[in-house]
């Protein structure tokens, strides 16, 4: 009966720790997803280089070469001919300017997407100056207001998310520590008996530490399985890209969850067993 009760207590603790580790993993996913979203917004920002009316094919070829070779500044680009610009204008506004002008007034252009590192206002200003210095570029257009908003708000948003993550991590640690302390509580008389017969502090702690570290690791695996199912459902069933499945992101979240489970279980076991090792016989009945 006693062993059955202990197994139930151990299983309950493992389930509780798994759910709390899910919360820790979710914190990591939110941080990485927010960073990925901001990066995508920056890289999807479009800088339009409007070509002059007399730009020829040789100048366009030089433009292609310049953009293709400079991977530091430009992530991708696309040439938009006058005809393509006219088609997009008609599709968007529903009117054909050639019908009353007699000619196509639109210019050919390049739609350029800067890299994340060069999507800040200062870097975009440098890109603008560089493109305008080309004799066959008539104008450079990009959403300055969006660049300013992203630049000013990203650092603030990052600090807020980091602060929330630290608070949630602290709450998670407290919950796991209390869960393991309650599990070890039922063994307080055994701990006291081992101390009375001369067992050293480490000998007394070792079985509890080893068992709970294993529980923390297994709970981490369960938490990762739950998180994987949630991410899979949202990404592939709902169709919302919540979490970019790169090996760096997966490794980071897996390491955070597993290490948190093992380290917090280690810390909680040492604290809980140390408390009962130092406690005298009479105090055991008072708690």
Foldseek 3Di string as FASTA:
>chain_A
DVVVVLVVLLVVLLQLLLVLLLVLLVLLLQLQLVVVVLQVVQQPWWKKFFFDPPDDPVNVVVVVVVQVVCCQWFVDKDKQALVNVQVVVCVVVVDHPCVPPVDRPGTIIMITGTGSVQSALVSVVVVQVVSVVDPGGDHMDTPNVVNVCSVVCVVVVSVVSVVVSVVSLVVSLVSSLVSLLVSCLVVLVVLQVCLVVPNDLCSSLVVQLVVQLVSLQVSLVVSVVVVVVVCCCCCPVVPDNSGPPDPVSVVVSSCSSNVSSNVSSNVSSSVNSVVSSPDDPVVSVVD
